[in-house]
Amino acid sequence: MVEVAEVRGVCWLEIRGKFEMGRLTPGINYEVVFVVKIKTDNYGWDEVPISRILTLPDGSKQIHKEDFSKKPTSKWFEIPVGEFIVDAKKGGPFEFSMFGYSGVRKSGLVIKGAIIRPKF
């Protein structure tokens, strides 16, 4: 059984992760994605786009925004956060996040997890 987290009636969405670059294979291009589903009875996602940020060990950032109101409901899908090539000489942790802040309540987002995988 896979455990998931569900967003229910929040104004502040923030999901963060951190992973050590040294645990990955040098020279390989990796991508980070969140796996999510929007339930049919969702609300509040059309007010503010959801931001995703990938912060690499050198401090550089990849920032993207996503309008969740245009996504399919009741189906798992992936939200890309960013991609990078592992440098054997530079280690350290990288961080990834997904967030959205507004005065409008949001509900119906189910988060299965984040995936860090080679991108071919």
PDB file of N, CA and C in Angstrom:
ATOM      1  N   MET A   1       0.834  -1.176   0.000  1.00  0.00           N
ATOM      2  CA  MET A   1       0.000   0.000   0.000  1.00  0.00           C
ATOM      3  C   MET A   1       0.884   1.246   0.000  1.00  0.00           C
ATOM      4  N   VAL A   2       0.558   2.194  -0.849  1.00  0.00           N
ATOM      5  CA  VAL A   2       1.317   3.434  -0.951  1.00  0.00           C
ATOM      6  C   VAL A   2       0.598   4.515  -0.148  1.00  0.00           C
ATOM      7  N   GLU A   3       1.342   5.169   0.744  1.00  0.00           N
ATOM      8  CA  GLU A   3       0.763   6.264   1.507  1.00  0.00           C
ATOM      9  C   GLU A   3       0.906   7.552   0.704  1.00  0.00           C
ATOM     10  N   VAL A   4      -0.134   8.367   0.752  1.00  0.00           N
ATOM     11  CA  VAL A   4      -0.126   9.644   0.043  1.00  0.00           C
ATOM     12  C   VAL A   4      -0.563  10.738   1.003  1.00  0.00           C
ATOM     13  N   ALA A   5      -0.303  11.980   0.614  1.00  0.00           N
ATOM     14  CA  ALA A   5      -0.757  13.128   1.395  1.00  0.00           C
ATOM     15  C   ALA A   5      -1.805  13.861   0.575  1.00  0.00           C
ATOM     16  N   GLU A   6      -2.855  14.340   1.236  1.00  0.00           N
ATOM     17  CA  GLU A   6      -3.911  15.071   0.541  1.00  0.00           C
ATOM     18  C   GLU A   6      -4.048  16.470   1.138  1.00  0.00           C
ATOM     19  N   VAL A   7      -4.113  17.452   0.249  1.00  0.00           N
ATOM     20  CA  VAL A   7      -4.313  18.838   0.660  1.00  0.00           C
ATOM     21  C   VAL A   7      -5.803  19.043   0.881  1.00  0.00           C
ATOM     22  N   ARG A   8      -6.151  19.528   2.085  1.00  0.00           N
ATOM     23  CA  ARG A   8      -7.555  19.752   2.428  1.00  0.00           C
ATOM     24  C   ARG A   8      -7.733  21.115   3.070  1.00  0.00           C
ATOM     25  N   GLY A   9      -8.289  22.047   2.355  1.00  0.00           N
ATOM     26  CA  GLY A   9      -8.659  23.348   2.905  1.00  0.00           C
ATOM     27  C   GLY A   9      -7.513  24.173   3.446  1.00  0.00           C
ATOM     28  N   VAL A  10      -6.450  24.353   2.671  1.00  0.00           N
ATOM     29  CA  VAL A  10      -5.310  25.154   3.116  1.00  0.00           C
ATOM     30  C   VAL A  10      -5.144  26.394   2.246  1.00  0.00           C
ATOM     31  N   CYS A  11      -4.600  27.447   2.822  1.00  0.00           N
ATOM     32  CA  CYS A  11      -4.251  28.650   2.055  1.00  0.00           C
ATOM     33  C   CYS A  11      -2.770  28.647   1.700  1.00  0.00           C
ATOM     34  N   TRP A  12      -2.005  27.820   2.409  1.00  0.00           N
ATOM     35  CA  TRP A  12      -0.554  27.812   2.286  1.00  0.00           C
ATOM     36  C   TRP A  12      -0.116  26.397   1.929  1.00  0.00           C
ATOM     37  N   LEU A  13       0.359  26.205   0.703  1.00  0.00           N
ATOM     38  CA  LEU A  13       0.869  24.909   0.271  1.00  0.00           C
ATOM     39  C   LEU A  13       2.381  25.010   0.171  1.00  0.00           C
ATOM     40  N   GLU A  14       3.083  24.118   0.836  1.00  0.00           N
ATOM     41  CA  GLU A  14       4.538  24.089   0.733  1.00  0.00           C
ATOM     42  C   GLU A  14       5.036  22.668   0.943  1.00  0.00           C
ATOM     43  N   ILE A  15       5.704  22.141  -0.088  1.00  0.00           N
ATOM     44  CA  ILE A  15       6.268  20.796  -0.043  1.00  0.00           C
ATOM     45  C   ILE A  15       7.740  20.933  -0.393  1.00  0.00           C
ATOM     46  N   ARG A  16       8.589  20.406   0.452  1.00  0.00           N
ATOM     47  CA  ARG A  16      10.034  20.537   0.245  1.00  0.00           C
ATOM     48  C   ARG A  16      10.723  19.181   0.352  1.00  0.00           C
ATOM     49  N   GLY A  17      11.802  19.052  -0.415  1.00  0.00           N
ATOM     50  CA  GLY A  17      12.643  17.868  -0.325  1.00  0.00           C
ATOM     51  C   GLY A  17      14.100  18.252  -0.495  1.00  0.00           C
ATOM     52  N   LYS A  18      14.983  17.362  -0.034  1.00  0.00           N
ATOM     53  CA  LYS A  18      16.422  17.611  -0.108  1.00  0.00           C
ATOM     54  C   LYS A  18      17.103  16.275  -0.373  1.00  0.00           C
ATOM     55  N   PHE A  19      18.134  16.293  -1.233  1.00  0.00           N
ATOM     56  CA  PHE A  19      18.834  15.049  -1.564  1.00  0.00           C
ATOM     57  C   PHE A  19      20.303  15.369  -1.811  1.00  0.00           C
ATOM     58  N   GLU A  20      21.161  14.453  -1.435  1.00  0.00           N
ATOM     59  CA  GLU A  20      22.608  14.640  -1.584  1.00  0.00           C
ATOM     60  C   GLU A  20      23.048  14.303  -3.014  1.00  0.00           C
ATOM     61  N   MET A  21      23.655  15.291  -3.679  1.00  0.00           N
ATOM     62  CA  MET A  21      24.114  15.126  -5.065  1.00  0.00           C
ATOM     63  C   MET A  21      25.101  13.962  -5.177  1.00  0.00           C
ATOM     64  N   GLY A  22      25.929  13.748  -4.159  1.00  0.00           N
ATOM     65  CA  GLY A  22      26.944  12.691  -4.183  1.00  0.00           C
ATOM     66  C   GLY A  22      26.375  11.284  -4.229  1.00  0.00           C
ATOM     67  N   ARG A  23      25.090  11.123  -3.978  1.00  0.00           N
ATOM     68  CA  ARG A  23      24.467   9.794  -4.041  1.00  0.00           C
ATOM     69  C   ARG A  23      24.034   9.431  -5.465  1.00  0.00           C
ATOM     70  N   LEU A  24      24.238  10.357  -6.407  1.00  0.00           N
ATOM     71  CA  LEU A  24      23.844  10.138  -7.802  1.00  0.00           C
ATOM     72  C   LEU A  24      25.080   9.894  -8.671  1.00  0.00           C
ATOM     73  N   THR A  25      24.875   9.337  -9.850  1.00  0.00           N
ATOM     74  CA  THR A  25      25.970   9.000 -10.759  1.00  0.00           C
ATOM     75  C   THR A  25      26.482  10.239 -11.489  1.00  0.00           C
ATOM     76  N   PRO A  26      27.796  10.531 -11.393  1.00  0.00           N
ATOM     77  CA  PRO A  26      28.364  11.692 -12.087  1.00  0.00           C
ATOM     78  C   PRO A  26      28.186  11.606 -13.600  1.00  0.00           C
ATOM     79  N   GLY A  27      27.990  12.760 -14.227  1.00  0.00           N
ATOM     80  CA  GLY A  27      27.872  12.849 -15.677  1.00  0.00           C
ATOM     81  C   GLY A  27      26.496  12.524 -16.230  1.00  0.00           C
ATOM     82  N   ILE A  28      25.573  12.149 -15.382  1.00  0.00           N
ATOM     83  CA  ILE A  28      24.222  11.780 -15.821  1.00  0.00           C
ATOM     84  C   ILE A  28      23.283  12.968 -15.647  1.00  0.00           C
ATOM     85  N   ASN A  29      22.398  13.151 -16.619  1.00  0.00           N
ATOM     86  CA  ASN A  29      21.369  14.193 -16.551  1.00  0.00           C
ATOM     87  C   ASN A  29      20.179  13.633 -15.762  1.00  0.00           C
ATOM     88  N   TYR A  30      19.805  14.304 -14.681  1.00  0.00           N
ATOM     89  CA  TYR A  30      18.687  13.890 -13.835  1.00  0.00           C
ATOM     90  C   TYR A  30      17.564  14.899 -13.907  1.00  0.00           C
ATOM     91  N   GLU A  31      16.356  14.425 -13.619  1.00  0.00           N
ATOM     92  CA  GLU A  31      15.204  15.309 -13.491  1.00  0.00           C
ATOM     93  C   GLU A  31      14.507  15.015 -12.173  1.00  0.00           C
ATOM     94  N   VAL A  32      13.831  16.040 -11.658  1.00  0.00           N
ATOM     95  CA  VAL A  32      13.035  15.908 -10.439  1.00  0.00           C
ATOM     96  C   VAL A  32      11.593  16.224 -10.813  1.00  0.00           C
ATOM     97  N   VAL A  33      10.671  15.342 -10.423  1.00  0.00           N
ATOM     98  CA  VAL A  33       9.243  15.555 -10.685  1.00  0.00           C
ATOM     99  C   VAL A  33       8.439  15.223  -9.428  1.00  0.00           C
ATOM    100  N   PHE A  34       7.328  15.905  -9.257  1.00  0.00           N
ATOM    101  CA  PHE A  34       6.349  15.529  -8.235  1.00  0.00           C
ATOM    102  C   PHE A  34       5.268  14.719  -8.922  1.00  0.00           C
ATOM    103  N   VAL A  35       4.787  13.680  -8.274  1.00  0.00           N
ATOM    104  CA  VAL A  35       3.691  12.862  -8.797  1.00  0.00           C
ATOM    105  C   VAL A  35       2.447  13.228  -7.986  1.00  0.00           C
ATOM    106  N   VAL A  36       1.425  13.750  -8.684  1.00  0.00           N
ATOM    107  CA  VAL A  36       0.236  14.257  -8.001  1.00  0.00           C
ATOM    108  C   VAL A  36      -1.033  13.856  -8.749  1.00  0.00           C
ATOM    109  N   LYS A  37      -2.138  14.043  -8.066  1.00  0.00           N
ATOM    110  CA  LYS A  37      -3.459  13.830  -8.668  1.00  0.00           C
ATOM    111  C   LYS A  37      -4.368  14.922  -8.118  1.00  0.00           C
ATOM    112  N   ILE A  38      -5.238  15.444  -8.952  1.00  0.00           N
ATOM    113  CA  ILE A  38      -6.223  16.415  -8.503  1.00  0.00           C
ATOM    114  C   ILE A  38      -7.577  15.719  -8.485  1.00  0.00           C
ATOM    115  N   LYS A  39      -8.191  15.708  -7.316  1.00  0.00           N
ATOM    116  CA  LYS A  39      -9.481  15.049  -7.176  1.00  0.00           C
ATOM    117  C   LYS A  39     -10.572  15.834  -7.898  1.00  0.00           C
ATOM    118  N   THR A  40     -11.627  15.145  -8.269  1.00  0.00           N
ATOM    119  CA  THR A  40     -12.741  15.775  -8.984  1.00  0.00           C
ATOM    120  C   THR A  40     -13.369  16.881  -8.159  1.00  0.00           C
ATOM    121  N   ASP A  41     -13.473  16.704  -6.860  1.00  0.00           N
ATOM    122  CA  ASP A  41     -14.109  17.704  -5.997  1.00  0.00           C
ATOM    123  C   ASP A  41     -13.094  18.709  -5.431  1.00  0.00           C
ATOM    124  N   ASN A  42     -12.130  19.134  -6.243  1.00  0.00           N
ATOM    125  CA  ASN A  42     -11.108  20.087  -5.823  1.00  0.00           C
ATOM    126  C   ASN A  42     -11.638  21.516  -5.887  1.00  0.00           C
ATOM    127  N   TYR A  43     -10.947  22.422  -5.214  1.00  0.00           N
ATOM    128  CA  TYR A  43     -11.265  23.849  -5.349  1.00  0.00           C
ATOM    129  C   TYR A  43     -10.052  24.701  -4.968  1.00  0.00           C
ATOM    130  N   GLY A  44     -10.041  25.944  -5.480  1.00  0.00           N
ATOM    131  CA  GLY A  44      -9.029  26.928  -5.131  1.00  0.00           C
ATOM    132  C   GLY A  44      -7.784  26.953  -5.984  1.00  0.00           C
ATOM    133  N   TRP A  45      -7.656  26.064  -6.934  1.00  0.00           N
ATOM    134  CA  TRP A  45      -6.419  25.981  -7.713  1.00  0.00           C
ATOM    135  C   TRP A  45      -6.357  26.978  -8.857  1.00  0.00           C
ATOM    136  N   ASP A  46      -7.453  27.667  -9.148  1.00  0.00           N
ATOM    137  CA  ASP A  46      -7.462  28.624 -10.259  1.00  0.00           C
ATOM    138  C   ASP A  46      -7.065  30.034  -9.826  1.00  0.00           C
ATOM    139  N   GLU A  47      -6.807  30.254  -8.543  1.00  0.00           N
ATOM    140  CA  GLU A  47      -6.496  31.589  -8.041  1.00  0.00           C
ATOM    141  C   GLU A  47      -5.035  31.994  -8.244  1.00  0.00           C
ATOM    142  N   VAL A  48      -4.121  31.118  -7.922  1.00  0.00           N
ATOM    143  CA  VAL A  48      -2.693  31.435  -7.958  1.00  0.00           C
ATOM    144  C   VAL A  48      -1.942  30.257  -8.573  1.00  0.00           C
ATOM    145  N   PRO A  49      -1.035  30.518  -9.532  1.00  0.00           N
ATOM    146  CA  PRO A  49      -0.254  29.395 -10.055  1.00  0.00           C
ATOM    147  C   PRO A  49       0.644  28.810  -8.969  1.00  0.00           C
ATOM    148  N   ILE A  50       0.926  27.529  -9.080  1.00  0.00           N
ATOM    149  CA  ILE A  50       1.784  26.838  -8.128  1.00  0.00           C
ATOM    150  C   ILE A  50       3.221  26.923  -8.640  1.00  0.00           C
ATOM    151  N   SER A  51       4.132  27.323  -7.769  1.00  0.00           N
ATOM    152  CA  SER A  51       5.547  27.475  -8.131  1.00  0.00           C
ATOM    153  C   SER A  51       6.315  26.218  -7.771  1.00  0.00           C
ATOM    154  N   ARG A  52       7.338  25.934  -8.580  1.00  0.00           N
ATOM    155  CA  ARG A  52       8.264  24.845  -8.283  1.00  0.00           C
ATOM    156  C   ARG A  52       9.668  25.399  -8.414  1.00  0.00           C
ATOM    157  N   ILE A  53      10.524  25.036  -7.476  1.00  0.00           N
ATOM    158  CA  ILE A  53      11.908  25.518  -7.497  1.00  0.00           C
ATOM    159  C   ILE A  53      12.859  24.355  -7.251  1.00  0.00           C
ATOM    160  N   LEU A  54      13.888  24.289  -8.076  1.00  0.00           N
ATOM    161  CA  LEU A  54      15.002  23.371  -7.871  1.00  0.00           C
ATOM    162  C   LEU A  54      16.212  24.247  -7.558  1.00  0.00           C
ATOM    163  N   THR A  55      16.828  24.039  -6.384  1.00  0.00           N
ATOM    164  CA  THR A  55      18.008  24.797  -5.976  1.00  0.00           C
ATOM    165  C   THR A  55      19.187  23.843  -5.921  1.00  0.00           C
ATOM    166  N   LEU A  56      20.188  24.114  -6.748  1.00  0.00           N
ATOM    167  CA  LEU A  56      21.361  23.244  -6.834  1.00  0.00           C
ATOM    168  C   LEU A  56      22.399  23.645  -5.789  1.00  0.00           C
ATOM    169  N   PRO A  57      23.392  22.772  -5.515  1.00  0.00           N
ATOM    170  CA  PRO A  57      24.376  23.059  -4.476  1.00  0.00           C
ATOM    171  C   PRO A  57      25.126  24.380  -4.667  1.00  0.00           C
ATOM    172  N   ASP A  58      25.287  24.828  -5.908  1.00  0.00           N
ATOM    173  CA  ASP A  58      25.994  26.095  -6.141  1.00  0.00           C
ATOM    174  C   ASP A  58      25.098  27.318  -5.931  1.00  0.00           C
ATOM    175  N   GLY A  59      23.832  27.093  -5.555  1.00  0.00           N
ATOM    176  CA  GLY A  59      22.902  28.195  -5.293  1.00  0.00           C
ATOM    177  C   GLY A  59      22.051  28.589  -6.484  1.00  0.00           C
ATOM    178  N   SER A  60      22.356  28.055  -7.665  1.00  0.00           N
ATOM    179  CA  SER A  60      21.539  28.385  -8.835  1.00  0.00           C
ATOM    180  C   SER A  60      20.149  27.769  -8.691  1.00  0.00           C
ATOM    181  N   LYS A  61      19.156  28.454  -9.268  1.00  0.00           N
ATOM    182  CA  LYS A  61      17.770  28.011  -9.127  1.00  0.00           C
ATOM    183  C   LYS A  61      17.083  27.900 -10.480  1.00  0.00           C
ATOM    184  N   GLN A  62      16.204  26.910 -10.561  1.00  0.00           N
ATOM    185  CA  GLN A  62      15.299  26.781 -11.703  1.00  0.00           C
ATOM    186  C   GLN A  62      13.901  26.978 -11.138  1.00  0.00           C
ATOM    187  N   ILE A  63      13.180  27.965 -11.667  1.00  0.00           N
ATOM    188  CA  ILE A  63      11.869  28.314 -11.140  1.00  0.00           C
ATOM    189  C   ILE A  63      10.832  28.171 -12.250  1.00  0.00           C
ATOM    190  N   HIS A  64       9.733  27.488 -11.935  1.00  0.00           N
ATOM    191  CA  HIS A  64       8.640  27.293 -12.893  1.00  0.00           C
ATOM    192  C   HIS A  64       7.314  27.510 -12.177  1.00  0.00           C
ATOM    193  N   LYS A  65       6.298  27.895 -12.938  1.00  0.00           N
ATOM    194  CA  LYS A  65       4.946  28.047 -12.381  1.00  0.00           C
ATOM    195  C   LYS A  65       3.990  27.169 -13.171  1.00  0.00           C
ATOM    196  N   GLU A  66       2.945  26.710 -12.521  1.00  0.00           N
ATOM    197  CA  GLU A  66       1.984  25.783 -13.131  1.00  0.00           C
ATOM    198  C   GLU A  66       0.575  26.161 -12.711  1.00  0.00           C
ATOM    199  N   ASP A  67      -0.336  26.192 -13.676  1.00  0.00           N
ATOM    200  CA  ASP A  67      -1.749  26.442 -13.392  1.00  0.00           C
ATOM    201  C   ASP A  67      -2.435  25.092 -13.215  1.00  0.00           C
ATOM    202  N   PHE A  68      -2.684  24.710 -11.969  1.00  0.00           N
ATOM    203  CA  PHE A  68      -3.273  23.406 -11.686  1.00  0.00           C
ATOM    204  C   PHE A  68      -4.721  23.307 -12.149  1.00  0.00           C
ATOM    205  N   SER A  69      -5.399  24.431 -12.360  1.00  0.00           N
ATOM    206  CA  SER A  69      -6.806  24.376 -12.791  1.00  0.00           C
ATOM    207  C   SER A  69      -6.939  23.820 -14.203  1.00  0.00           C
ATOM    208  N   LYS A  70      -5.837  23.767 -14.954  1.00  0.00           N
ATOM    209  CA  LYS A  70      -5.871  23.253 -16.330  1.00  0.00           C
ATOM    210  C   LYS A  70      -5.412  21.802 -16.423  1.00  0.00           C
ATOM    211  N   LYS A  71      -5.173  21.179 -15.277  1.00  0.00           N
ATOM    212  CA  LYS A  71      -4.715  19.795 -15.260  1.00  0.00           C
ATOM    213  C   LYS A  71      -5.902  18.838 -15.194  1.00  0.00           C
ATOM    214  N   PRO A  72      -5.721  17.598 -15.681  1.00  0.00           N
ATOM    215  CA  PRO A  72      -6.806  16.609 -15.619  1.00  0.00           C
ATOM    216  C   PRO A  72      -7.112  16.206 -14.181  1.00  0.00           C
ATOM    217  N   THR A  73      -8.333  15.813 -13.929  1.00  0.00           N
ATOM    218  CA  THR A  73      -8.696  15.357 -12.594  1.00  0.00           C
ATOM    219  C   THR A  73      -8.750  13.830 -12.550  1.00  0.00           C
ATOM    220  N   SER A  74      -8.582  13.299 -11.356  1.00  0.00           N
ATOM    221  CA  SER A  74      -8.682  11.869 -11.060  1.00  0.00           C
ATOM    222  C   SER A  74      -7.660  10.997 -11.777  1.00  0.00           C
ATOM    223  N   LYS A  75      -6.536  11.595 -12.221  1.00  0.00           N
ATOM    224  CA  LYS A  75      -5.474  10.822 -12.867  1.00  0.00           C
ATOM    225  C   LYS A  75      -4.131  11.284 -12.311  1.00  0.00           C
ATOM    226  N   TRP A  76      -3.241  10.324 -12.049  1.00  0.00           N
ATOM    227  CA  TRP A  76      -1.905  10.682 -11.610  1.00  0.00           C
ATOM    228  C   TRP A  76      -1.154  11.314 -12.765  1.00  0.00           C
ATOM    229  N   PHE A  77      -0.411  12.389 -12.478  1.00  0.00           N
ATOM    230  CA  PHE A  77       0.432  13.010 -13.494  1.00  0.00           C
ATOM    231  C   PHE A  77       1.673  13.580 -12.819  1.00  0.00           C
ATOM    232  N   GLU A  78       2.650  13.921 -13.639  1.00  0.00           N
ATOM    233  CA  GLU A  78       3.921  14.424 -13.117  1.00  0.00           C
ATOM    234  C   GLU A  78       4.033  15.921 -13.357  1.00  0.00           C
ATOM    235  N   ILE A  79       4.561  16.608 -12.346  1.00  0.00           N
ATOM    236  CA  ILE A  79       4.839  18.037 -12.435  1.00  0.00           C
ATOM    237  C   ILE A  79       6.362  18.186 -12.398  1.00  0.00           C
ATOM    238  N   PRO A  80       6.993  18.579 -13.515  1.00  0.00           N
ATOM    239  CA  PRO A  80       8.447  18.715 -13.513  1.00  0.00           C
ATOM    240  C   PRO A  80       8.909  19.881 -12.639  1.00  0.00           C
ATOM    241  N   VAL A  81       9.986  19.647 -11.899  1.00  0.00           N
ATOM    242  CA  VAL A  81      10.563  20.689 -11.057  1.00  0.00           C
ATOM    243  C   VAL A  81      11.794  21.265 -11.738  1.00  0.00           C
ATOM    244  N   GLY A  82      12.662  20.405 -12.256  1.00  0.00           N
ATOM    245  CA  GLY A  82      13.868  20.862 -12.943  1.00  0.00           C
ATOM    246  C   GLY A  82      14.763  19.692 -13.276  1.00  0.00           C
ATOM    247  N   GLU A  83      15.899  20.021 -13.899  1.00  0.00           N
ATOM    248  CA  GLU A  83      16.860  18.984 -14.270  1.00  0.00           C
ATOM    249  C   GLU A  83      18.275  19.515 -14.119  1.00  0.00           C
ATOM    250  N   PHE A  84      19.230  18.585 -14.025  1.00  0.00           N
ATOM    251  CA  PHE A  84      20.623  18.953 -13.803  1.00  0.00           C
ATOM    252  C   PHE A  84      21.516  17.787 -14.196  1.00  0.00           C
ATOM    253  N   ILE A  85      22.788  18.093 -14.442  1.00  0.00           N
ATOM    254  CA  ILE A  85      23.805  17.069 -14.692  1.00  0.00           C
ATOM    255  C   ILE A  85      24.685  17.014 -13.450  1.00  0.00           C
ATOM    256  N   VAL A  86      24.934  15.827 -12.945  1.00  0.00           N
ATOM    257  CA  VAL A  86      25.740  15.653 -11.747  1.00  0.00           C
ATOM    258  C   VAL A  86      27.208  15.883 -12.089  1.00  0.00           C
ATOM    259  N   ASP A  87      27.831  16.809 -11.373  1.00  0.00           N
ATOM    260  CA  ASP A  87      29.252  17.119 -11.530  1.00  0.00           C
ATOM    261  C   ASP A  87      30.018  16.338 -10.461  1.00  0.00           C
ATOM    262  N   ALA A  88      30.964  15.499 -10.885  1.00  0.00           N
ATOM    263  CA  ALA A  88      31.709  14.653  -9.951  1.00  0.00           C
ATOM    264  C   ALA A  88      32.540  15.476  -8.967  1.00  0.00           C
ATOM    265  N   LYS A  89      32.926  16.696  -9.361  1.00  0.00           N
ATOM    266  CA  LYS A  89      33.787  17.518  -8.510  1.00  0.00           C
ATOM    267  C   LYS A  89      33.007  18.392  -7.535  1.00  0.00           C
ATOM    268  N   LYS A  90      31.731  18.560  -7.776  1.00  0.00           N
ATOM    269  CA  LYS A  90      30.928  19.427  -6.915  1.00  0.00           C
ATOM    270  C   LYS A  90      29.821  18.608  -6.275  1.00  0.00           C
ATOM    271  N   GLY A  91      29.853  18.505  -4.974  1.00  0.00           N
ATOM    272  CA  GLY A  91      28.829  17.755  -4.266  1.00  0.00           C
ATOM    273  C   GLY A  91      27.935  18.699  -3.495  1.00  0.00           C
ATOM    274  N   GLY A  92      27.259  18.136  -2.526  1.00  0.00           N
ATOM    275  CA  GLY A  92      26.370  18.929  -1.699  1.00  0.00           C
ATOM    276  C   GLY A  92      24.921  18.576  -1.980  1.00  0.00           C
ATOM    277  N   PRO A  93      24.048  19.050  -1.123  1.00  0.00           N
ATOM    278  CA  PRO A  93      22.626  18.747  -1.301  1.00  0.00           C
ATOM    279  C   PRO A  93      21.961  19.685  -2.306  1.00  0.00           C
ATOM    280  N   PHE A  94      20.959  19.164  -2.993  1.00  0.00           N
ATOM    281  CA  PHE A  94      20.086  20.027  -3.789  1.00  0.00           C
ATOM    282  C   PHE A  94      18.702  19.950  -3.163  1.00  0.00           C
ATOM    283  N   GLU A  95      17.926  20.997  -3.358  1.00  0.00           N
ATOM    284  CA  GLU A  95      16.597  21.083  -2.763  1.00  0.00           C
ATOM    285  C   GLU A  95      15.559  21.289  -3.851  1.00  0.00           C
ATOM    286  N   PHE A  96      14.366  20.767  -3.612  1.00  0.00           N
ATOM    287  CA  PHE A  96      13.270  20.954  -4.554  1.00  0.00           C
ATOM    288  C   PHE A  96      12.016  21.257  -3.750  1.00  0.00           C
ATOM    289  N   SER A  97      11.157  22.080  -4.331  1.00  0.00           N
ATOM    290  CA  SER A  97       9.943  22.465  -3.599  1.00  0.00           C
ATOM    291  C   SER A  97       8.808  22.780  -4.564  1.00  0.00           C
ATOM    292  N   MET A  98       7.612  22.735  -4.004  1.00  0.00           N
ATOM    293  CA  MET A  98       6.396  23.126  -4.713  1.00  0.00           C
ATOM    294  C   MET A  98       5.580  23.920  -3.702  1.00  0.00           C
ATOM    295  N   PHE A  99       5.132  25.108  -4.092  1.00  0.00           N
ATOM    296  CA  PHE A  99       4.400  25.921  -3.134  1.00  0.00           C
ATOM    297  C   PHE A  99       3.422  26.879  -3.819  1.00  0.00           C
ATOM    298  N   GLY A 100       2.432  27.298  -3.063  1.00  0.00           N
ATOM    299  CA  GLY A 100       1.448  28.281  -3.498  1.00  0.00           C
ATOM    300  C   GLY A 100       0.831  28.926  -2.281  1.00  0.00           C
ATOM    301  N   TYR A 101       0.888  30.261  -2.227  1.00  0.00           N
ATOM    302  CA  TYR A 101       0.354  30.993  -1.082  1.00  0.00           C
ATOM    303  C   TYR A 101      -0.708  31.962  -1.575  1.00  0.00           C
ATOM    304  N   SER A 102      -1.846  31.978  -0.916  1.00  0.00           N
ATOM    305  CA  SER A 102      -2.896  32.946  -1.229  1.00  0.00           C
ATOM    306  C   SER A 102      -3.903  32.934  -0.090  1.00  0.00           C
ATOM    307  N   GLY A 103      -4.828  33.877  -0.129  1.00  0.00           N
ATOM    308  CA  GLY A 103      -5.878  33.917   0.877  1.00  0.00           C
ATOM    309  C   GLY A 103      -7.035  32.992   0.544  1.00  0.00           C
ATOM    310  N   VAL A 104      -6.922  32.298  -0.577  1.00  0.00           N
ATOM    311  CA  VAL A 104      -7.988  31.402  -1.030  1.00  0.00           C
ATOM    312  C   VAL A 104      -7.676  29.976  -0.598  1.00  0.00           C
ATOM    313  N   ARG A 105      -8.630  29.309  -0.012  1.00  0.00           N
ATOM    314  CA  ARG A 105      -8.440  27.915   0.409  1.00  0.00           C
ATOM    315  C   ARG A 105      -8.369  26.999  -0.806  1.00  0.00           C
ATOM    316  N   LYS A 106      -7.511  25.980  -0.682  1.00  0.00           N
ATOM    317  CA  LYS A 106      -7.327  24.983  -1.731  1.00  0.00           C
ATOM    318  C   LYS A 106      -7.585  23.612  -1.144  1.00  0.00           C
ATOM    319  N   SER A 107      -8.116  22.734  -1.968  1.00  0.00           N
ATOM    320  CA  SER A 107      -8.370  21.376  -1.512  1.00  0.00           C
ATOM    321  C   SER A 107      -8.370  20.436  -2.712  1.00  0.00           C
ATOM    322  N   GLY A 108      -8.106  19.150  -2.445  1.00  0.00           N
ATOM    323  CA  GLY A 108      -8.243  18.140  -3.489  1.00  0.00           C
ATOM    324  C   GLY A 108      -6.985  17.763  -4.225  1.00  0.00           C
ATOM    325  N   LEU A 109      -5.814  18.221  -3.772  1.00  0.00           N
ATOM    326  CA  LEU A 109      -4.555  17.808  -4.383  1.00  0.00           C
ATOM    327  C   LEU A 109      -4.008  16.641  -3.584  1.00  0.00           C
ATOM    328  N   VAL A 110      -3.662  15.546  -4.271  1.00  0.00           N
ATOM    329  CA  VAL A 110      -3.090  14.366  -3.627  1.00  0.00           C
ATOM    330  C   VAL A 110      -1.652  14.246  -4.108  1.00  0.00           C
ATOM    331  N   ILE A 111      -0.720  14.152  -3.156  1.00  0.00           N
ATOM    332  CA  ILE A 111       0.706  14.075  -3.486  1.00  0.00           C
ATOM    333  C   ILE A 111       1.198  12.667  -3.188  1.00  0.00           C
ATOM    334  N   LYS A 112       1.635  11.985  -4.246  1.00  0.00           N
ATOM    335  CA  LYS A 112       2.169  10.625  -4.089  1.00  0.00           C
ATOM    336  C   LYS A 112       3.644  10.672  -3.676  1.00  0.00           C
ATOM    337  N   GLY A 113       4.377  11.664  -4.197  1.00  0.00           N
ATOM    338  CA  GLY A 113       5.776  11.780  -3.841  1.00  0.00           C
ATOM    339  C   GLY A 113       6.568  12.542  -4.878  1.00  0.00           C
ATOM    340  N   ALA A 114       7.882  12.533  -4.700  1.00  0.00           N
ATOM    341  CA  ALA A 114       8.814  13.144  -5.648  1.00  0.00           C
ATOM    342  C   ALA A 114       9.704  12.035  -6.192  1.00  0.00           C
ATOM    343  N   ILE A 115      10.105  12.213  -7.448  1.00  0.00           N
ATOM    344  CA  ILE A 115      10.990  11.246  -8.106  1.00  0.00           C
ATOM    345  C   ILE A 115      12.214  11.977  -8.604  1.00  0.00           C
ATOM    346  N   ILE A 116      13.388  11.400  -8.326  1.00  0.00           N
ATOM    347  CA  ILE A 116      14.653  11.868  -8.874  1.00  0.00           C
ATOM    348  C   ILE A 116      15.134  10.745  -9.767  1.00  0.00           C
ATOM    349  N   ARG A 117      15.234  10.999 -11.069  1.00  0.00           N
ATOM    350  CA  ARG A 117      15.563   9.909 -12.001  1.00  0.00           C
ATOM    351  C   ARG A 117      16.392  10.423 -13.165  1.00  0.00           C
ATOM    352  N   PRO A 118      17.167   9.508 -13.793  1.00  0.00           N
ATOM    353  CA  PRO A 118      17.897   9.906 -14.993  1.00  0.00           C
ATOM    354  C   PRO A 118      16.911  10.332 -16.080  1.00  0.00           C
ATOM    355  N   LYS A 119      17.314  11.353 -16.819  1.00  0.00           N
ATOM    356  CA  LYS A 119      16.485  11.819 -17.926  1.00  0.00           C
ATOM    357  C   LYS A 119      17.207  11.472 -19.231  1.00  0.00           C
ATOM    358  N   PHE A 120      16.541  10.673 -20.033  1.00  0.00           N
ATOM    359  CA  PHE A 120      17.152  10.223 -21.298  1.00  0.00           C
ATOM    360  C   PHE A 120      16.540  10.933 -22.471  1.00  0.00           C
TER     361      PHE A 120
END
